[in-house]
Protein backbone atom coordinates (compact mmCIF):
# COMPACT_ATOMS: atom_id res chain seq x y z
CA MET A 1 0.08 -0.18 -0.20
CA PRO A 2 1.13 3.08 -1.34
CA GLN A 3 2.10 5.86 1.52
CA PRO A 4 0.30 9.11 1.68
CA PRO A 5 2.93 12.12 0.36
CA ILE A 6 4.31 14.22 2.83
CA PRO A 7 2.67 17.84 2.78
CA ALA A 8 5.62 20.07 2.20
CA GLN A 9 5.70 17.67 -1.11
CA THR A 10 2.36 18.07 -1.85
CA ALA A 11 2.28 21.52 -1.30
CA ARG A 12 5.56 21.81 -3.41
CA ALA A 13 3.86 19.65 -6.44
CA SER A 14 0.34 21.95 -6.52
CA HIS A 15 2.45 25.06 -6.59
CA LEU A 16 4.54 23.86 -9.46
CA GLY A 17 1.17 23.03 -11.05
CA ASP A 18 0.61 26.20 -11.37
CA LEU A 19 4.12 27.49 -13.02
CA LEU A 20 4.50 26.83 -16.88
CA SER A 21 7.25 24.91 -18.66
CA ILE A 22 9.78 26.32 -20.81
CA GLY A 23 8.16 24.71 -23.73
CA GLU A 24 4.80 26.87 -22.75
CA VAL A 25 6.17 29.91 -21.92
CA ALA A 26 8.51 29.97 -25.50
CA HIS A 27 4.80 29.17 -27.30
CA ARG A 28 3.07 31.74 -25.49
CA SER A 29 5.65 34.44 -25.73
CA GLY A 30 7.27 33.74 -29.09
CA VAL A 31 10.65 33.85 -27.55
CA ALA A 32 12.99 30.72 -28.21
CA ARG A 33 13.62 28.29 -25.22
CA SER A 34 17.68 28.77 -26.10
CA ALA A 35 16.67 32.99 -25.51
CA LEU A 36 14.22 32.08 -22.04
CA ARG A 37 17.44 30.08 -20.87
CA TYR A 38 20.05 33.44 -21.83
CA TYR A 39 17.24 36.08 -20.66
CA GLU A 40 17.70 34.02 -17.03
CA GLU A 41 21.31 33.37 -17.08
CA GLN A 42 21.50 37.49 -17.45
CA GLY A 43 18.82 37.71 -14.84
CA LEU A 44 16.09 39.65 -16.45
CA ILE A 45 13.39 36.49 -15.62
CA ARG A 46 13.55 33.94 -12.81
CA ALA A 47 12.56 30.26 -13.07
CA GLU A 48 11.91 28.13 -10.15
CA ARG A 49 13.12 24.01 -10.67
CA THR A 50 11.70 20.95 -9.80
CA SER A 51 13.07 18.16 -7.82
CA GLY A 52 14.78 17.16 -11.55
CA GLY A 53 15.67 20.11 -12.17
CA THR A 54 13.04 21.10 -14.90
CA ARG A 55 12.88 24.96 -15.13
CA ARG A 56 8.60 26.69 -14.25
CA TYR A 57 8.10 30.19 -14.68
CA ARG A 58 5.65 32.00 -13.07
CA ARG A 59 2.63 33.20 -15.67
CA SER A 60 3.87 36.88 -14.41
CA VAL A 61 6.94 35.61 -16.81
CA LEU A 62 4.97 36.15 -19.97
CA ARG A 63 4.81 40.11 -19.31
CA ARG A 64 8.17 40.72 -18.32
CA LEU A 65 8.82 39.08 -21.66
CA ALA A 66 6.64 41.25 -23.52
CA PHE A 67 8.73 43.93 -21.91
CA VAL A 68 12.00 42.91 -23.19
CA LYS A 69 10.59 42.68 -26.50
CA ALA A 70 9.37 45.60 -26.46
CA ALA A 71 12.47 47.18 -25.21
CA GLN A 72 14.52 45.66 -27.55
CA ARG A 73 12.13 46.99 -30.54
CA ILE A 74 13.04 50.76 -29.41
CA GLY A 75 16.66 49.68 -29.45
CA LEU A 76 17.67 49.20 -25.63
CA SER A 77 20.54 46.66 -24.83
CA LEU A 78 19.67 43.89 -22.73
CA GLU A 79 21.86 45.56 -20.18
CA GLU A 80 19.08 48.65 -20.08
CA VAL A 81 16.46 46.50 -20.19
CA ARG A 82 18.12 44.44 -17.21
CA ASP A 83 17.95 48.23 -15.44
CA GLU A 84 14.32 48.82 -16.69
CA LEU A 85 13.28 45.60 -15.21
CA ALA A 86 15.38 46.08 -12.04
CA ALA A 87 12.98 48.89 -11.36
CA LEU A 88 9.99 46.83 -11.48
CA PRO A 89 8.46 44.05 -9.29
CA PRO A 90 10.19 40.45 -10.12
CA ASP A 91 7.44 38.06 -9.55
CA ARG A 92 3.83 40.15 -10.51
CA SER A 93 2.80 42.27 -13.42
CA PRO A 94 3.64 45.82 -13.31
CA THR A 95 1.19 48.36 -11.99
CA GLY A 96 0.00 51.40 -14.31
CA GLU A 97 2.21 53.33 -12.10
CA ASP A 98 5.04 51.48 -12.26
CA TRP A 99 4.40 51.42 -16.39
CA ASP A 100 4.28 55.28 -16.25
CA ARG A 101 8.05 55.89 -14.63
CA VAL A 102 8.91 53.54 -17.51
CA VAL A 103 7.09 54.88 -20.48
CA ALA A 104 8.50 58.46 -19.72
CA ALA A 105 12.01 57.11 -20.26
CA TRP A 106 10.96 54.98 -23.44
CA GLN A 107 8.74 58.27 -24.81
CA ALA A 108 12.41 60.40 -24.81
CA ARG A 109 14.23 57.27 -26.37
CA ILE A 110 11.89 56.92 -29.01
CA ASP A 111 11.33 60.54 -29.95
CA GLU A 112 15.37 60.55 -30.40
CA ARG A 113 14.83 57.77 -33.29
CA ILE A 114 12.04 59.09 -35.23
CA ASP A 115 14.62 62.48 -35.14
CA GLY A 116 17.50 60.42 -36.36
CA LEU A 117 15.64 59.03 -38.59
CA ARG A 118 13.82 61.74 -39.82
CA ARG A 119 17.31 63.12 -40.67
CA MET A 120 18.12 59.10 -42.64
CA ARG A 121 15.48 60.12 -44.34
CA GLU A 122 16.24 63.77 -45.41
CA ALA A 123 19.62 63.03 -46.22
CA LEU A 124 18.68 60.20 -48.35
CA ALA A 125 16.26 61.82 -50.36
CA GLY A 126 19.50 64.25 -51.01
CA CYS A 127 21.45 61.13 -52.14
CA VAL A 128 19.10 59.59 -54.77
CA GLY A 129 20.34 59.47 -57.93
CA CYS A 130 23.62 61.28 -57.11
CA GLY A 131 25.85 58.53 -57.59
CA CYS A 132 28.51 59.82 -55.59
CA LEU A 133 28.89 56.30 -53.72
CA SER A 134 32.19 57.23 -52.11
CA LEU A 135 32.76 56.99 -48.92
CA THR A 136 35.02 59.90 -48.67
CA LYS A 137 32.33 61.84 -50.05
CA CYS A 138 29.16 60.87 -48.45
CA GLY A 139 28.32 61.46 -45.08
CA VAL A 140 25.54 59.16 -45.26
CA TYR A 141 27.15 56.06 -45.90
CA ASN A 142 29.78 55.53 -43.36
CA PRO A 143 30.51 59.42 -41.57
CA GLY A 144 33.66 60.39 -39.77
CA ASP A 145 35.35 56.86 -41.29
CA VAL A 146 39.44 57.26 -40.90
CA ALA A 147 40.24 53.84 -41.97
CA ALA A 148 38.72 54.64 -45.34
CA GLU A 149 41.74 57.49 -45.18
CA GLU A 150 44.16 53.95 -45.55
CA GLY A 151 42.87 52.36 -48.51
CA ALA A 152 40.68 49.16 -49.01
CA GLY A 153 41.43 46.14 -46.56
CA ALA A 154 41.56 45.07 -43.25
CA ARG A 155 43.94 47.62 -41.51
CA MET A 156 42.37 47.78 -38.21
CA LEU A 157 43.27 44.09 -37.48
CA ARG A 158 46.89 44.32 -37.63
CA GLU A 159 46.51 46.99 -35.06
CA LEU A 160 45.29 44.27 -32.69
């Protein structure tokens, strides 16, 4: 006759049943399993482990992953994303106040990118049909290229 489970094991098993597997998180978030493991390594998300070492994620990780993806779309590096996430609660979905704080910084970043893209569009409009295609003459293709002055080739590698 099997023995009844120890209460702590029952609670742990029940708790883990509420969590998502790495496959479920990957499917629901659209983030590859390898990326999930990397994000965990980098401290962007957290996983609990079963007794067998399998990763299990709280549902709030889906919101954090959406945050990571949005931050990457506006050009934040993973280091910057980690800094932003450090200001948010780790085990619950952010509140409206939490988002307001983040959104203010993101809006400034987005505005900078929009301004840069507008300048690029204006510069490209002047290049259409100019035919310069010269790294030394065209500031759009590679402004400030000091290596171009020495000619073509892998000159920078020799300096290492």
